[in-house]
Amino acid sequence: MYFTDRGIEELVQRRGEETVTLEWLGEQLRTFVDMHPEFETPIERLATWLARDDEDDE
Protein backbone atom coordinates (compact mmCIF):
# COMPACT_ATOMS: atom_id res chain seq x y z
CA MET A 1 0.00 0.00 0.00
CA TYR A 2 1.28 3.42 -0.93
CA PHE A 3 1.12 6.20 1.65
CA THR A 4 -1.34 8.07 -0.63
CA ASP A 5 -3.70 5.09 -0.47
CA ARG A 6 -4.48 6.01 3.14
CA GLY A 7 -5.72 9.43 2.11
CA ILE A 8 -7.72 7.98 -0.75
CA GLU A 9 -9.26 5.39 1.55
CA GLU A 10 -10.17 8.10 4.07
CA LEU A 11 -11.78 10.16 1.30
CA VAL A 12 -13.85 7.20 0.14
CA GLN A 13 -14.80 6.28 3.68
CA ARG A 14 -15.83 9.79 4.71
CA ARG A 15 -17.34 11.12 1.48
CA GLY A 16 -17.83 8.10 -0.74
CA GLU A 17 -21.61 8.46 -0.80
CA GLU A 18 -21.50 12.07 -2.02
CA THR A 19 -21.91 13.16 -5.61
CA VAL A 20 -19.70 16.03 -6.74
CA THR A 21 -19.22 17.88 -10.00
CA LEU A 22 -15.97 18.36 -11.83
CA GLU A 23 -16.51 22.09 -11.36
CA TRP A 24 -16.53 21.56 -7.57
CA LEU A 25 -13.42 19.37 -7.79
CA GLY A 26 -11.64 22.02 -9.86
CA GLU A 27 -12.42 24.67 -7.27
CA GLN A 28 -11.18 22.42 -4.47
CA LEU A 29 -7.94 21.77 -6.36
CA ARG A 30 -7.44 25.51 -6.98
CA THR A 31 -8.00 26.24 -3.29
CA PHE A 32 -5.55 23.51 -2.31
CA VAL A 33 -2.86 24.89 -4.66
CA ASP A 34 -3.45 28.42 -3.33
CA MET A 35 -2.83 27.10 0.18
CA HIS A 36 0.02 24.76 -0.83
CA PRO A 37 1.77 26.18 -3.92
CA GLU A 38 4.54 23.59 -3.64
CA PHE A 39 2.01 21.02 -4.91
CA GLU A 40 1.14 22.95 -8.08
CA THR A 41 2.95 20.53 -10.42
CA PRO A 42 1.45 17.29 -9.04
CA ILE A 43 -2.04 18.82 -9.01
CA GLU A 44 -1.57 20.00 -12.59
CA ARG A 45 -0.51 16.49 -13.60
CA LEU A 46 -3.50 14.94 -11.84
CA ALA A 47 -5.94 17.40 -13.43
CA THR A 48 -4.45 16.80 -16.88
CA TRP A 49 -4.61 13.03 -16.39
CA LEU A 50 -8.25 13.24 -15.31
CA ALA A 51 -9.12 15.52 -18.23
CA ARG A 52 -7.54 13.19 -20.79
CA ASP A 53 -8.48 9.84 -19.22
CA ASP A 54 -10.93 8.96 -22.00
CA GLU A 55 -8.34 9.42 -24.76
CA ASP A 56 -7.12 5.86 -24.19
CA ASP A 57 -10.50 4.53 -25.36
CA GLU A 58 -9.95 5.68 -28.95
PDB file of N, CA and C in Angstrom:
ATOM      1  N   MET A   1       0.851  -1.182   0.000  1.00  0.00           N
ATOM      2  CA  MET A   1       0.000   0.000   0.000  1.00  0.00           C
ATOM      3  C   MET A   1       0.890   1.236   0.000  1.00  0.00           C
ATOM      4  N   TYR A   2       0.581   2.143  -0.899  1.00  0.00           N
ATOM      5  CA  TYR A   2       1.281   3.415  -0.926  1.00  0.00           C
ATOM      6  C   TYR A   2       0.730   4.320   0.176  1.00  0.00           C
ATOM      7  N   PHE A   3       1.562   5.253   0.618  1.00  0.00           N
ATOM      8  CA  PHE A   3       1.122   6.198   1.645  1.00  0.00           C
ATOM      9  C   PHE A   3      -0.114   6.959   1.176  1.00  0.00           C
ATOM     10  N   THR A   4      -0.183   7.313  -0.119  1.00  0.00           N
ATOM     11  CA  THR A   4      -1.337   8.067  -0.630  1.00  0.00           C
ATOM     12  C   THR A   4      -2.619   7.257  -0.569  1.00  0.00           C
ATOM     13  N   ASP A   5      -2.501   5.928  -0.565  1.00  0.00           N
ATOM     14  CA  ASP A   5      -3.702   5.091  -0.471  1.00  0.00           C
ATOM     15  C   ASP A   5      -4.478   5.372   0.801  1.00  0.00           C
ATOM     16  N   ARG A   6      -3.780   5.711   1.872  1.00  0.00           N
ATOM     17  CA  ARG A   6      -4.478   6.011   3.137  1.00  0.00           C
ATOM     18  C   ARG A   6      -5.395   7.215   2.992  1.00  0.00           C
ATOM     19  N   GLY A   7      -4.893   8.248   2.326  1.00  0.00           N
ATOM     20  CA  GLY A   7      -5.717   9.433   2.108  1.00  0.00           C
ATOM     21  C   GLY A   7      -6.890   9.148   1.194  1.00  0.00           C
ATOM     22  N   ILE A   8      -6.642   8.348   0.176  1.00  0.00           N
ATOM     23  CA  ILE A   8      -7.725   7.982  -0.752  1.00  0.00           C
ATOM     24  C   ILE A   8      -8.771   7.147  -0.020  1.00  0.00           C
ATOM     25  N   GLU A   9      -8.324   6.210   0.787  1.00  0.00           N
ATOM     26  CA  GLU A   9      -9.265   5.389   1.551  1.00  0.00           C
ATOM     27  C   GLU A   9     -10.080   6.236   2.523  1.00  0.00           C
ATOM     28  N   GLU A  10      -9.433   7.211   3.159  1.00  0.00           N
ATOM     29  CA  GLU A  10     -10.169   8.097   4.065  1.00  0.00           C
ATOM     30  C   GLU A  10     -11.209   8.910   3.304  1.00  0.00           C
ATOM     31  N   LEU A  11     -10.835   9.408   2.128  1.00  0.00           N
ATOM     32  CA  LEU A  11     -11.782  10.160   1.302  1.00  0.00           C
ATOM     33  C   LEU A  11     -12.993   9.307   0.950  1.00  0.00           C
ATOM     34  N   VAL A  12     -12.754   8.093   0.507  1.00  0.00           N
ATOM     35  CA  VAL A  12     -13.855   7.202   0.135  1.00  0.00           C
ATOM     36  C   VAL A  12     -14.708   6.866   1.347  1.00  0.00           C
ATOM     37  N   GLN A  13     -14.063   6.626   2.473  1.00  0.00           N
ATOM     38  CA  GLN A  13     -14.799   6.276   3.682  1.00  0.00           C
ATOM     39  C   GLN A  13     -15.667   7.445   4.172  1.00  0.00           C
ATOM     40  N   ARG A  14     -15.103   8.641   4.181  1.00  0.00           N
ATOM     41  CA  ARG A  14     -15.827   9.794   4.713  1.00  0.00           C
ATOM     42  C   ARG A  14     -16.840  10.388   3.746  1.00  0.00           C
ATOM     43  N   ARG A  15     -16.506  10.386   2.439  1.00  0.00           N
ATOM     44  CA  ARG A  15     -17.343  11.123   1.482  1.00  0.00           C
ATOM     45  C   ARG A  15     -17.751  10.292   0.279  1.00  0.00           C
ATOM     46  N   GLY A  16     -17.573   8.978   0.374  1.00  0.00           N
ATOM     47  CA  GLY A  16     -17.830   8.095  -0.743  1.00  0.00           C
ATOM     48  C   GLY A  16     -19.264   8.077  -1.237  1.00  0.00           C
ATOM     49  N   GLU A  17     -20.199   8.451  -0.411  1.00  0.00           N
ATOM     50  CA  GLU A  17     -21.614   8.455  -0.804  1.00  0.00           C
ATOM     51  C   GLU A  17     -22.033   9.754  -1.486  1.00  0.00           C
ATOM     52  N   GLU A  18     -21.159  10.773  -1.442  1.00  0.00           N
ATOM     53  CA  GLU A  18     -21.499  12.072  -2.016  1.00  0.00           C
ATOM     54  C   GLU A  18     -21.319  12.075  -3.529  1.00  0.00           C
ATOM     55  N   THR A  19     -22.075  12.918  -4.182  1.00  0.00           N
ATOM     56  CA  THR A  19     -21.914  13.162  -5.608  1.00  0.00           C
ATOM     57  C   THR A  19     -21.378  14.578  -5.762  1.00  0.00           C
ATOM     58  N   VAL A  20     -20.295  14.713  -6.527  1.00  0.00           N
ATOM     59  CA  VAL A  20     -19.699  16.034  -6.743  1.00  0.00           C
ATOM     60  C   VAL A  20     -19.559  16.272  -8.236  1.00  0.00           C
ATOM     61  N   THR A  21     -19.443  17.525  -8.605  1.00  0.00           N
ATOM     62  CA  THR A  21     -19.225  17.882 -10.003  1.00  0.00           C
ATOM     63  C   THR A  21     -17.731  18.103 -10.244  1.00  0.00           C
ATOM     64  N   LEU A  22     -17.355  18.046 -11.502  1.00  0.00           N
ATOM     65  CA  LEU A  22     -15.966  18.356 -11.829  1.00  0.00           C
ATOM     66  C   LEU A  22     -15.661  19.832 -11.568  1.00  0.00           C
ATOM     67  N   GLU A  23     -16.681  20.663 -11.685  1.00  0.00           N
ATOM     68  CA  GLU A  23     -16.505  22.085 -11.356  1.00  0.00           C
ATOM     69  C   GLU A  23     -16.140  22.235  -9.878  1.00  0.00           C
ATOM     70  N   TRP A  24     -16.825  21.525  -9.008  1.00  0.00           N
ATOM     71  CA  TRP A  24     -16.529  21.562  -7.573  1.00  0.00           C
ATOM     72  C   TRP A  24     -15.112  21.050  -7.322  1.00  0.00           C
ATOM     73  N   LEU A  25     -14.752  19.940  -7.966  1.00  0.00           N
ATOM     74  CA  LEU A  25     -13.421  19.373  -7.792  1.00  0.00           C
ATOM     75  C   LEU A  25     -12.351  20.362  -8.244  1.00  0.00           C
ATOM     76  N   GLY A  26     -12.584  21.021  -9.372  1.00  0.00           N
ATOM     77  CA  GLY A  26     -11.643  22.021  -9.859  1.00  0.00           C
ATOM     78  C   GLY A  26     -11.441  23.149  -8.867  1.00  0.00           C
ATOM     79  N   GLU A  27     -12.527  23.616  -8.274  1.00  0.00           N
ATOM     80  CA  GLU A  27     -12.420  24.674  -7.268  1.00  0.00           C
ATOM     81  C   GLU A  27     -11.649  24.200  -6.034  1.00  0.00           C
ATOM     82  N   GLN A  28     -11.903  22.975  -5.616  1.00  0.00           N
ATOM     83  CA  GLN A  28     -11.177  22.420  -4.467  1.00  0.00           C
ATOM     84  C   GLN A  28      -9.686  22.308  -4.774  1.00  0.00           C
ATOM     85  N   LEU A  29      -9.344  21.881  -5.978  1.00  0.00           N
ATOM     86  CA  LEU A  29      -7.938  21.772  -6.360  1.00  0.00           C
ATOM     87  C   LEU A  29      -7.280  23.146  -6.413  1.00  0.00           C
ATOM     88  N   ARG A  30      -7.991  24.142  -6.949  1.00  0.00           N
ATOM     89  CA  ARG A  30      -7.442  25.508  -6.976  1.00  0.00           C
ATOM     90  C   ARG A  30      -7.196  26.027  -5.565  1.00  0.00           C
ATOM     91  N   THR A  31      -8.144  25.800  -4.676  1.00  0.00           N
ATOM     92  CA  THR A  31      -7.998  26.241  -3.292  1.00  0.00           C
ATOM     93  C   THR A  31      -6.806  25.553  -2.642  1.00  0.00           C
ATOM     94  N   PHE A  32      -6.673  24.256  -2.878  1.00  0.00           N
ATOM     95  CA  PHE A  32      -5.547  23.513  -2.311  1.00  0.00           C
ATOM     96  C   PHE A  32      -4.217  24.077  -2.804  1.00  0.00           C
ATOM     97  N   VAL A  33      -4.107  24.351  -4.113  1.00  0.00           N
ATOM     98  CA  VAL A  33      -2.860  24.887  -4.657  1.00  0.00           C
ATOM     99  C   VAL A  33      -2.593  26.292  -4.124  1.00  0.00           C
ATOM    100  N   ASP A  34      -3.638  27.086  -3.931  1.00  0.00           N
ATOM    101  CA  ASP A  34      -3.451  28.417  -3.335  1.00  0.00           C
ATOM    102  C   ASP A  34      -2.862  28.297  -1.926  1.00  0.00           C
ATOM    103  N   MET A  35      -3.307  27.302  -1.188  1.00  0.00           N
ATOM    104  CA  MET A  35      -2.832  27.101   0.180  1.00  0.00           C
ATOM    105  C   MET A  35      -1.480  26.376   0.227  1.00  0.00           C
ATOM    106  N   HIS A  36      -1.198  25.575  -0.798  1.00  0.00           N
ATOM    107  CA  HIS A  36       0.021  24.759  -0.832  1.00  0.00           C
ATOM    108  C   HIS A  36       0.662  24.848  -2.218  1.00  0.00           C
ATOM    109  N   PRO A  37       1.238  25.991  -2.560  1.00  0.00           N
ATOM    110  CA  PRO A  37       1.771  26.176  -3.918  1.00  0.00           C
ATOM    111  C   PRO A  37       2.866  25.183  -4.297  1.00  0.00           C
ATOM    112  N   GLU A  38       3.506  24.569  -3.329  1.00  0.00           N
ATOM    113  CA  GLU A  38       4.545  23.588  -3.636  1.00  0.00           C
ATOM    114  C   GLU A  38       3.986  22.331  -4.320  1.00  0.00           C
ATOM    115  N   PHE A  39       2.652  22.167  -4.272  1.00  0.00           N
ATOM    116  CA  PHE A  39       2.005  21.024  -4.907  1.00  0.00           C
ATOM    117  C   PHE A  39       1.386  21.370  -6.260  1.00  0.00           C
ATOM    118  N   GLU A  40       1.734  22.523  -6.805  1.00  0.00           N
ATOM    119  CA  GLU A  40       1.139  22.952  -8.077  1.00  0.00           C
ATOM    120  C   GLU A  40       1.402  21.943  -9.197  1.00  0.00           C
ATOM    121  N   THR A  41       2.624  21.464  -9.331  1.00  0.00           N
ATOM    122  CA  THR A  41       2.953  20.535 -10.418  1.00  0.00           C
ATOM    123  C   THR A  41       2.206  19.207 -10.284  1.00  0.00           C
ATOM    124  N   PRO A  42       2.208  18.549  -9.123  1.00  0.00           N
ATOM    125  CA  PRO A  42       1.454  17.291  -9.042  1.00  0.00           C
ATOM    126  C   PRO A  42      -0.053  17.470  -9.269  1.00  0.00           C
ATOM    127  N   ILE A  43      -0.614  18.580  -8.798  1.00  0.00           N
ATOM    128  CA  ILE A  43      -2.042  18.824  -9.008  1.00  0.00           C
ATOM    129  C   ILE A  43      -2.314  19.058 -10.489  1.00  0.00           C
ATOM    130  N   GLU A  44      -1.430  19.779 -11.150  1.00  0.00           N
ATOM    131  CA  GLU A  44      -1.570  20.001 -12.591  1.00  0.00           C
ATOM    132  C   GLU A  44      -1.526  18.674 -13.338  1.00  0.00           C
ATOM    133  N   ARG A  45      -0.608  17.811 -12.948  1.00  0.00           N
ATOM    134  CA  ARG A  45      -0.508  16.492 -13.598  1.00  0.00           C
ATOM    135  C   ARG A  45      -1.767  15.660 -13.370  1.00  0.00           C
ATOM    136  N   LEU A  46      -2.273  15.687 -12.149  1.00  0.00           N
ATOM    137  CA  LEU A  46      -3.501  14.943 -11.836  1.00  0.00           C
ATOM    138  C   LEU A  46      -4.671  15.480 -12.654  1.00  0.00           C
ATOM    139  N   ALA A  47      -4.830  16.804 -12.682  1.00  0.00           N
ATOM    140  CA  ALA A  47      -5.938  17.403 -13.429  1.00  0.00           C
ATOM    141  C   ALA A  47      -5.840  17.079 -14.916  1.00  0.00           C
ATOM    142  N   THR A  48      -4.640  17.129 -15.473  1.00  0.00           N
ATOM    143  CA  THR A  48      -4.451  16.799 -16.884  1.00  0.00           C
ATOM    144  C   THR A  48      -4.767  15.335 -17.133  1.00  0.00           C
ATOM    145  N   TRP A  49      -4.334  14.460 -16.255  1.00  0.00           N
ATOM    146  CA  TRP A  49      -4.611  13.032 -16.393  1.00  0.00           C
ATOM    147  C   TRP A  49      -6.116  12.765 -16.337  1.00  0.00           C
ATOM    148  N   LEU A  50      -6.807  13.399 -15.400  1.00  0.00           N
ATOM    149  CA  LEU A  50      -8.251  13.237 -15.311  1.00  0.00           C
ATOM    150  C   LEU A  50      -8.952  13.774 -16.554  1.00  0.00           C
ATOM    151  N   ALA A  51      -8.495  14.908 -17.063  1.00  0.00           N
ATOM    152  CA  ALA A  51      -9.122  15.524 -18.234  1.00  0.00           C
ATOM    153  C   ALA A  51      -8.951  14.664 -19.477  1.00  0.00           C
ATOM    154  N   ARG A  52      -7.847  13.948 -19.565  1.00  0.00           N
ATOM    155  CA  ARG A  52      -7.535  13.188 -20.785  1.00  0.00           C
ATOM    156  C   ARG A  52      -7.758  11.688 -20.614  1.00  0.00           C
ATOM    157  N   ASP A  53      -8.333  11.257 -19.539  1.00  0.00           N
ATOM    158  CA  ASP A  53      -8.483   9.845 -19.220  1.00  0.00           C
ATOM    159  C   ASP A  53      -9.204   9.065 -20.308  1.00  0.00           C
ATOM    160  N   ASP A  54     -10.165   9.680 -20.980  1.00  0.00           N
ATOM    161  CA  ASP A  54     -10.934   8.964 -21.998  1.00  0.00           C
ATOM    162  C   ASP A  54     -10.212   8.855 -23.336  1.00  0.00           C
ATOM    163  N   GLU A  55      -9.071   9.483 -23.512  1.00  0.00           N
ATOM    164  CA  GLU A  55      -8.340   9.418 -24.764  1.00  0.00           C
ATOM    165  C   GLU A  55      -7.806   8.014 -25.044  1.00  0.00           C
ATOM    166  N   ASP A  56      -7.613   7.214 -24.007  1.00  0.00           N
ATOM    167  CA  ASP A  56      -7.123   5.859 -24.189  1.00  0.00           C
ATOM    168  C   ASP A  56      -8.159   4.942 -24.847  1.00  0.00           C
ATOM    169  N   ASP A  57      -9.431   5.345 -24.809  1.00  0.00           N
ATOM    170  CA  ASP A  57     -10.497   4.532 -25.365  1.00  0.00           C
ATOM    171  C   ASP A  57     -10.527   4.553 -26.887  1.00  0.00           C
ATOM    172  N   GLU A  58      -9.875   5.518 -27.493  1.00  0.00           N
ATOM    173  CA  GLU A  58      -9.946   5.679 -28.946  1.00  0.00           C
ATOM    174  C   GLU A  58      -9.080   4.690 -29.674  1.00  0.00           C
TER     175      GLU A  58
END
